[in-house]
N, C-alpha and C. Protein backbone atom coordinates (compact mmCIF):
# COMPACT_ATOMS: atom_id res chain seq x y z
N MET A 1 0.06 -41.73 35.92
CA MET A 1 0.31 -41.35 34.54
C MET A 1 -0.34 -40.00 34.27
N ILE A 2 0.33 -39.19 33.52
CA ILE A 2 -0.16 -37.86 33.18
C ILE A 2 -1.06 -37.96 31.96
N ALA A 3 -2.24 -37.37 32.06
CA ALA A 3 -3.17 -37.37 30.93
C ALA A 3 -2.52 -36.67 29.74
N PRO A 4 -2.81 -37.14 28.52
CA PRO A 4 -2.17 -36.56 27.33
C PRO A 4 -2.32 -35.05 27.23
N GLU A 5 -3.47 -34.51 27.62
CA GLU A 5 -3.66 -33.06 27.51
C GLU A 5 -2.81 -32.27 28.50
N HIS A 6 -2.22 -32.96 29.50
CA HIS A 6 -1.39 -32.28 30.48
C HIS A 6 0.09 -32.58 30.30
N GLN A 7 0.45 -33.38 29.31
CA GLN A 7 1.85 -33.67 29.06
C GLN A 7 2.54 -32.47 28.42
N ARG A 8 3.83 -32.36 28.62
CA ARG A 8 4.58 -31.25 28.05
C ARG A 8 4.65 -31.38 26.54
N HIS A 9 4.61 -30.24 25.91
CA HIS A 9 4.69 -30.19 24.46
C HIS A 9 6.13 -29.98 24.02
N ARG A 10 6.43 -30.39 22.84
CA ARG A 10 7.74 -30.13 22.24
C ARG A 10 7.53 -29.28 21.01
N PRO A 11 8.16 -28.15 20.81
CA PRO A 11 9.12 -27.60 21.76
C PRO A 11 8.45 -27.22 23.08
N ALA A 12 9.26 -27.01 24.10
CA ALA A 12 8.76 -26.73 25.44
C ALA A 12 7.83 -25.53 25.46
N THR A 13 6.77 -25.66 26.25
CA THR A 13 5.85 -24.55 26.45
C THR A 13 6.31 -23.72 27.65
N LEU A 14 5.59 -22.70 27.95
CA LEU A 14 5.93 -21.80 29.05
C LEU A 14 6.07 -22.57 30.35
N ARG A 15 7.12 -22.26 31.10
CA ARG A 15 7.33 -22.82 32.44
C ARG A 15 7.59 -21.67 33.39
N LEU A 16 6.75 -21.53 34.38
CA LEU A 16 6.86 -20.41 35.32
C LEU A 16 7.53 -20.86 36.62
N LYS A 17 8.24 -19.93 37.25
CA LYS A 17 8.82 -20.16 38.57
C LYS A 17 7.96 -19.53 39.65
N GLY A 18 7.06 -18.66 39.25
CA GLY A 18 6.18 -17.99 40.19
C GLY A 18 5.28 -17.04 39.44
N ILE A 19 4.38 -16.44 40.17
CA ILE A 19 3.48 -15.44 39.59
C ILE A 19 3.29 -14.34 40.62
N VAL A 20 3.33 -13.09 40.18
CA VAL A 20 3.18 -11.95 41.08
C VAL A 20 1.99 -11.13 40.61
N PRO A 21 0.87 -11.24 41.30
CA PRO A 21 -0.29 -10.42 40.91
C PRO A 21 -0.07 -8.95 41.26
N ALA A 22 -0.55 -8.09 40.40
CA ALA A 22 -0.52 -6.64 40.64
C ALA A 22 -1.95 -6.17 40.82
N ILE A 23 -2.23 -5.54 41.92
CA ILE A 23 -3.57 -5.08 42.26
C ILE A 23 -3.59 -3.56 42.19
N THR A 24 -4.45 -3.03 41.35
CA THR A 24 -4.62 -1.59 41.24
C THR A 24 -5.68 -1.16 42.23
N ALA A 25 -5.27 -0.39 43.22
CA ALA A 25 -6.13 -0.03 44.34
C ALA A 25 -6.75 1.35 44.15
N SER A 26 -8.00 1.48 44.55
CA SER A 26 -8.65 2.80 44.55
C SER A 26 -8.07 3.69 45.64
N ASP A 27 -7.73 3.08 46.78
CA ASP A 27 -7.17 3.79 47.92
C ASP A 27 -5.96 3.00 48.40
N LEU A 28 -4.79 3.41 47.98
CA LEU A 28 -3.56 2.67 48.27
C LEU A 28 -3.33 2.51 49.77
N THR A 29 -3.63 3.54 50.54
CA THR A 29 -3.44 3.47 51.99
C THR A 29 -4.34 2.41 52.61
N ALA A 30 -5.61 2.35 52.20
CA ALA A 30 -6.53 1.35 52.74
C ALA A 30 -6.09 -0.06 52.34
N SER A 31 -5.64 -0.22 51.10
CA SER A 31 -5.19 -1.54 50.65
C SER A 31 -3.92 -1.96 51.37
N LEU A 32 -2.99 -1.03 51.58
CA LEU A 32 -1.77 -1.35 52.32
C LEU A 32 -2.12 -1.80 53.74
N PHE A 33 -3.03 -1.08 54.39
CA PHE A 33 -3.46 -1.46 55.74
C PHE A 33 -4.04 -2.88 55.73
N PHE A 34 -4.90 -3.17 54.76
CA PHE A 34 -5.51 -4.50 54.68
C PHE A 34 -4.45 -5.58 54.51
N TYR A 35 -3.63 -5.48 53.47
CA TYR A 35 -2.68 -6.55 53.16
C TYR A 35 -1.53 -6.65 54.17
N ARG A 36 -1.03 -5.51 54.63
CA ARG A 36 0.10 -5.54 55.55
C ARG A 36 -0.35 -5.71 57.00
N ASP A 37 -1.24 -4.83 57.45
CA ASP A 37 -1.55 -4.78 58.88
C ASP A 37 -2.60 -5.79 59.31
N GLN A 38 -3.46 -6.24 58.41
CA GLN A 38 -4.48 -7.22 58.78
C GLN A 38 -4.13 -8.62 58.30
N VAL A 39 -3.81 -8.76 57.01
CA VAL A 39 -3.53 -10.10 56.47
C VAL A 39 -2.15 -10.59 56.90
N GLY A 40 -1.14 -9.71 56.93
CA GLY A 40 0.16 -10.11 57.44
C GLY A 40 1.31 -10.07 56.44
N PHE A 41 1.12 -9.46 55.26
CA PHE A 41 2.24 -9.25 54.35
C PHE A 41 3.19 -8.22 54.96
N HIS A 42 4.42 -8.15 54.42
CA HIS A 42 5.41 -7.16 54.85
C HIS A 42 5.81 -6.32 53.64
N THR A 43 6.12 -5.06 53.87
CA THR A 43 6.57 -4.18 52.78
C THR A 43 8.00 -4.52 52.42
N GLU A 44 8.21 -4.91 51.17
CA GLU A 44 9.55 -5.18 50.68
C GLU A 44 10.14 -3.95 49.99
N GLU A 45 9.30 -3.23 49.25
CA GLU A 45 9.78 -2.07 48.50
C GLU A 45 8.65 -1.07 48.34
N THR A 46 9.00 0.20 48.38
CA THR A 46 8.06 1.29 48.12
C THR A 46 8.40 1.86 46.75
N HIS A 47 7.38 2.05 45.91
CA HIS A 47 7.59 2.56 44.56
C HIS A 47 7.10 4.00 44.48
N GLU A 48 8.01 4.89 44.10
CA GLU A 48 7.69 6.31 43.99
C GLU A 48 7.81 6.76 42.54
N TRP A 49 7.01 7.73 42.20
CA TRP A 49 7.05 8.34 40.88
C TRP A 49 6.84 9.83 41.06
N GLU A 50 7.79 10.62 40.60
CA GLU A 50 7.75 12.08 40.72
C GLU A 50 7.46 12.51 42.16
N GLY A 51 8.13 11.86 43.11
CA GLY A 51 8.01 12.23 44.51
C GLY A 51 6.78 11.73 45.23
N ARG A 52 5.91 10.97 44.54
CA ARG A 52 4.69 10.42 45.18
C ARG A 52 4.80 8.90 45.29
N ILE A 53 4.34 8.37 46.39
CA ILE A 53 4.27 6.92 46.53
C ILE A 53 3.12 6.43 45.65
N MET A 54 3.45 5.53 44.73
CA MET A 54 2.47 5.02 43.78
C MET A 54 2.24 3.51 43.95
N GLY A 55 3.02 2.87 44.81
CA GLY A 55 2.81 1.44 44.98
C GLY A 55 3.79 0.82 45.95
N TYR A 56 3.55 -0.46 46.20
CA TYR A 56 4.37 -1.24 47.12
C TYR A 56 4.53 -2.65 46.57
N THR A 57 5.69 -3.23 46.84
CA THR A 57 5.86 -4.67 46.69
C THR A 57 5.73 -5.24 48.10
N LEU A 58 4.79 -6.15 48.26
CA LEU A 58 4.56 -6.79 49.56
C LEU A 58 4.97 -8.25 49.46
N VAL A 59 5.44 -8.80 50.56
CA VAL A 59 5.92 -10.18 50.57
C VAL A 59 5.36 -10.90 51.79
N ALA A 60 5.05 -12.18 51.60
CA ALA A 60 4.67 -13.10 52.68
C ALA A 60 5.36 -14.42 52.36
N GLY A 61 6.30 -14.82 53.21
CA GLY A 61 7.10 -16.00 52.89
C GLY A 61 7.91 -15.72 51.63
N THR A 62 7.74 -16.54 50.61
CA THR A 62 8.48 -16.35 49.35
C THR A 62 7.61 -15.72 48.27
N GLN A 63 6.40 -15.34 48.60
CA GLN A 63 5.45 -14.85 47.59
C GLN A 63 5.25 -13.34 47.69
N ARG A 64 5.06 -12.74 46.52
CA ARG A 64 4.91 -11.29 46.43
C ARG A 64 3.60 -10.90 45.76
N ILE A 65 3.13 -9.72 46.13
CA ILE A 65 2.06 -9.05 45.39
C ILE A 65 2.48 -7.60 45.22
N LEU A 66 1.97 -6.98 44.19
CA LEU A 66 2.20 -5.56 43.97
C LEU A 66 0.91 -4.82 44.23
N LEU A 67 0.99 -3.72 44.95
CA LEU A 67 -0.15 -2.82 45.13
C LEU A 67 0.19 -1.53 44.42
N ASN A 68 -0.69 -1.08 43.55
CA ASN A 68 -0.49 0.15 42.80
C ASN A 68 -1.68 1.07 43.00
N GLN A 69 -1.41 2.37 43.07
CA GLN A 69 -2.48 3.36 43.20
C GLN A 69 -3.11 3.60 41.84
N ASP A 70 -4.42 3.46 41.75
CA ASP A 70 -5.14 3.78 40.52
C ASP A 70 -5.05 5.29 40.32
N ASP A 71 -4.54 5.72 39.18
CA ASP A 71 -4.38 7.16 38.94
C ASP A 71 -5.64 7.81 38.39
N GLY A 72 -6.68 7.03 38.13
CA GLY A 72 -7.94 7.57 37.65
C GLY A 72 -7.95 7.92 36.18
N ALA A 73 -6.86 7.70 35.48
CA ALA A 73 -6.77 8.08 34.07
C ALA A 73 -7.77 7.33 33.19
N LYS A 74 -8.17 6.15 33.63
CA LYS A 74 -9.13 5.36 32.85
C LYS A 74 -10.54 5.48 33.39
N GLY A 75 -10.76 6.47 34.24
CA GLY A 75 -12.08 6.66 34.83
C GLY A 75 -12.32 5.68 35.96
N LYS A 76 -13.53 5.68 36.46
CA LYS A 76 -13.90 4.77 37.55
C LYS A 76 -13.96 3.35 37.01
N ARG A 77 -13.12 2.48 37.53
CA ARG A 77 -13.07 1.09 37.07
C ARG A 77 -13.67 0.17 38.11
N VAL A 78 -14.41 -0.81 37.65
CA VAL A 78 -14.95 -1.82 38.54
C VAL A 78 -13.79 -2.71 38.98
N LYS A 79 -13.65 -2.90 40.27
CA LYS A 79 -12.56 -3.71 40.81
C LYS A 79 -13.10 -5.03 41.35
N GLY A 80 -12.24 -6.00 41.41
CA GLY A 80 -12.53 -7.23 42.11
C GLY A 80 -13.39 -8.24 41.36
N LEU A 81 -13.82 -7.94 40.15
CA LEU A 81 -14.67 -8.87 39.42
C LEU A 81 -13.82 -9.88 38.64
N GLY A 82 -14.20 -11.12 38.70
CA GLY A 82 -13.56 -12.14 37.89
C GLY A 82 -12.18 -12.56 38.34
N LEU A 83 -11.82 -12.28 39.58
CA LEU A 83 -10.51 -12.67 40.08
C LEU A 83 -10.62 -13.10 41.53
N ARG A 84 -10.00 -14.22 41.84
CA ARG A 84 -9.85 -14.66 43.23
C ARG A 84 -8.42 -15.14 43.36
N LEU A 85 -7.74 -14.68 44.40
CA LEU A 85 -6.38 -15.13 44.68
C LEU A 85 -6.43 -16.24 45.72
N TYR A 86 -5.83 -17.37 45.39
CA TYR A 86 -5.71 -18.48 46.33
C TYR A 86 -4.31 -18.43 46.92
N LEU A 87 -4.22 -18.26 48.24
CA LEU A 87 -2.96 -18.12 48.94
C LEU A 87 -2.74 -19.35 49.81
N GLU A 88 -1.73 -20.14 49.47
CA GLU A 88 -1.44 -21.35 50.24
C GLU A 88 -0.53 -20.99 51.40
N ALA A 89 -1.01 -21.19 52.61
CA ALA A 89 -0.27 -20.81 53.82
C ALA A 89 0.64 -21.95 54.27
N SER A 90 1.79 -21.57 54.85
CA SER A 90 2.69 -22.56 55.44
C SER A 90 2.22 -22.98 56.82
N GLN A 91 1.63 -22.04 57.55
CA GLN A 91 1.15 -22.35 58.90
C GLN A 91 -0.32 -22.78 58.83
N PRO A 92 -0.85 -23.37 59.92
CA PRO A 92 -2.24 -23.82 59.92
C PRO A 92 -3.21 -22.67 59.61
N VAL A 93 -4.12 -22.92 58.68
CA VAL A 93 -5.04 -21.89 58.20
C VAL A 93 -5.94 -21.37 59.32
N ASP A 94 -6.27 -22.20 60.28
CA ASP A 94 -7.09 -21.74 61.41
C ASP A 94 -6.35 -20.66 62.21
N GLN A 95 -5.04 -20.83 62.37
CA GLN A 95 -4.24 -19.83 63.09
C GLN A 95 -4.14 -18.55 62.28
N VAL A 96 -3.97 -18.67 60.97
CA VAL A 96 -3.92 -17.48 60.10
C VAL A 96 -5.21 -16.68 60.25
N ALA A 97 -6.34 -17.37 60.22
CA ALA A 97 -7.64 -16.70 60.35
C ALA A 97 -7.75 -16.00 61.70
N GLU A 98 -7.34 -16.66 62.77
CA GLU A 98 -7.40 -16.05 64.10
C GLU A 98 -6.49 -14.82 64.18
N ASP A 99 -5.31 -14.91 63.57
CA ASP A 99 -4.39 -13.77 63.58
C ASP A 99 -4.98 -12.58 62.84
N ILE A 100 -5.61 -12.82 61.70
CA ILE A 100 -6.23 -11.74 60.92
C ILE A 100 -7.34 -11.08 61.74
N LYS A 101 -8.18 -11.90 62.37
CA LYS A 101 -9.26 -11.33 63.19
C LYS A 101 -8.69 -10.55 64.38
N ALA A 102 -7.60 -11.04 64.97
CA ALA A 102 -6.99 -10.35 66.11
C ALA A 102 -6.43 -8.99 65.70
N ARG A 103 -6.06 -8.86 64.43
CA ARG A 103 -5.54 -7.59 63.92
C ARG A 103 -6.64 -6.70 63.36
N GLY A 104 -7.91 -7.09 63.58
CA GLY A 104 -9.04 -6.27 63.17
C GLY A 104 -9.62 -6.60 61.81
N GLY A 105 -9.12 -7.65 61.17
CA GLY A 105 -9.65 -8.04 59.87
C GLY A 105 -10.97 -8.77 59.99
N THR A 106 -11.73 -8.76 58.90
CA THR A 106 -13.03 -9.43 58.84
C THR A 106 -12.97 -10.53 57.79
N LEU A 107 -13.39 -11.72 58.17
CA LEU A 107 -13.42 -12.84 57.24
C LEU A 107 -14.78 -12.92 56.56
N ASP A 108 -14.79 -13.35 55.30
CA ASP A 108 -16.06 -13.64 54.62
C ASP A 108 -16.60 -15.00 55.06
N SER A 109 -15.69 -15.91 55.36
CA SER A 109 -16.08 -17.23 55.84
C SER A 109 -15.01 -17.74 56.79
N GLU A 110 -15.45 -18.51 57.76
CA GLU A 110 -14.54 -19.12 58.72
C GLU A 110 -13.83 -20.31 58.06
N PRO A 111 -12.69 -20.74 58.60
CA PRO A 111 -12.02 -21.91 58.06
C PRO A 111 -12.94 -23.13 58.06
N GLU A 112 -12.90 -23.85 56.94
CA GLU A 112 -13.71 -25.07 56.81
C GLU A 112 -13.02 -26.02 55.85
N ASP A 113 -13.37 -27.29 55.98
CA ASP A 113 -12.88 -28.29 55.04
C ASP A 113 -13.72 -28.18 53.77
N THR A 114 -13.04 -28.13 52.63
CA THR A 114 -13.73 -27.96 51.35
C THR A 114 -13.90 -29.30 50.65
N PRO A 115 -14.85 -29.41 49.73
CA PRO A 115 -15.00 -30.65 48.98
C PRO A 115 -13.86 -30.87 47.98
N TRP A 116 -13.04 -29.86 47.73
CA TRP A 116 -11.93 -30.00 46.79
C TRP A 116 -10.60 -30.26 47.48
N GLY A 117 -10.64 -30.65 48.77
CA GLY A 117 -9.45 -31.17 49.43
C GLY A 117 -8.56 -30.16 50.13
N ALA A 118 -9.13 -29.08 50.60
CA ALA A 118 -8.34 -28.08 51.32
C ALA A 118 -9.12 -27.63 52.56
N ARG A 119 -8.42 -27.04 53.48
CA ARG A 119 -9.05 -26.32 54.58
C ARG A 119 -8.82 -24.86 54.24
N ALA A 120 -9.89 -24.06 54.21
CA ALA A 120 -9.78 -22.72 53.65
C ALA A 120 -10.77 -21.76 54.29
N PHE A 121 -10.44 -20.47 54.17
CA PHE A 121 -11.37 -19.40 54.51
C PHE A 121 -11.18 -18.29 53.49
N SER A 122 -12.15 -17.37 53.44
CA SER A 122 -12.12 -16.29 52.46
C SER A 122 -12.24 -14.93 53.13
N LEU A 123 -11.73 -13.93 52.44
CA LEU A 123 -11.88 -12.54 52.84
C LEU A 123 -11.81 -11.67 51.59
N THR A 124 -12.19 -10.41 51.73
CA THR A 124 -12.28 -9.49 50.61
C THR A 124 -11.48 -8.23 50.92
N ASP A 125 -10.68 -7.79 49.94
CA ASP A 125 -9.88 -6.58 50.16
C ASP A 125 -10.74 -5.33 49.95
N PRO A 126 -10.22 -4.14 50.24
CA PRO A 126 -11.04 -2.92 50.15
C PRO A 126 -11.63 -2.63 48.77
N ASP A 127 -11.04 -3.18 47.69
CA ASP A 127 -11.56 -2.96 46.35
C ASP A 127 -12.44 -4.09 45.87
N GLY A 128 -12.70 -5.07 46.72
CA GLY A 128 -13.57 -6.17 46.33
C GLY A 128 -12.86 -7.39 45.78
N PHE A 129 -11.52 -7.38 45.76
CA PHE A 129 -10.79 -8.56 45.32
C PHE A 129 -10.93 -9.66 46.37
N LYS A 130 -11.22 -10.87 45.92
CA LYS A 130 -11.46 -12.00 46.81
C LYS A 130 -10.18 -12.78 47.06
N LEU A 131 -9.94 -13.14 48.31
CA LEU A 131 -8.80 -13.97 48.70
C LEU A 131 -9.32 -15.22 49.37
N THR A 132 -8.73 -16.35 49.05
CA THR A 132 -8.95 -17.59 49.77
C THR A 132 -7.62 -18.04 50.29
N ILE A 133 -7.49 -18.18 51.60
CA ILE A 133 -6.27 -18.66 52.22
C ILE A 133 -6.51 -20.10 52.62
N LEU A 134 -5.56 -20.98 52.26
CA LEU A 134 -5.82 -22.42 52.40
C LEU A 134 -4.59 -23.20 52.78
N ASN A 135 -4.87 -24.40 53.27
CA ASN A 135 -3.89 -25.48 53.42
C ASN A 135 -4.45 -26.66 52.65
N TRP A 136 -3.63 -27.30 51.81
CA TRP A 136 -4.07 -28.53 51.16
C TRP A 136 -3.98 -29.66 52.16
N LYS A 137 -4.92 -30.57 52.11
CA LYS A 137 -4.92 -31.72 53.04
C LYS A 137 -4.00 -32.80 52.53
């Protein structure tokens, strides 16, 4: 039974089909290397503005993230605080971790069974954004 606070409201509330995080990078090239060449995303689209590459849409399986170059217009911004991306992998998380390390990536933690019912490991992108890659048990 669904708890009353989790039941759908009438009229219907927001229903999402997915979510696409957009990450504003201090160094777009370093972030692209991290997400594409180490973690394993693929470039789906390159975004240009006035002849300059300003971002990428990256894809892994059916999920996307956007990487955007920070233009500095808002000054030096603190990155990576208050956000962690949880990425649910289709393949075994231990193999994902080994693949990342084989491509030169560094993990913050090795795969382990968590008290919240997943097998997971963590890593940090060049701007300090935290990623947890997991398989639910």
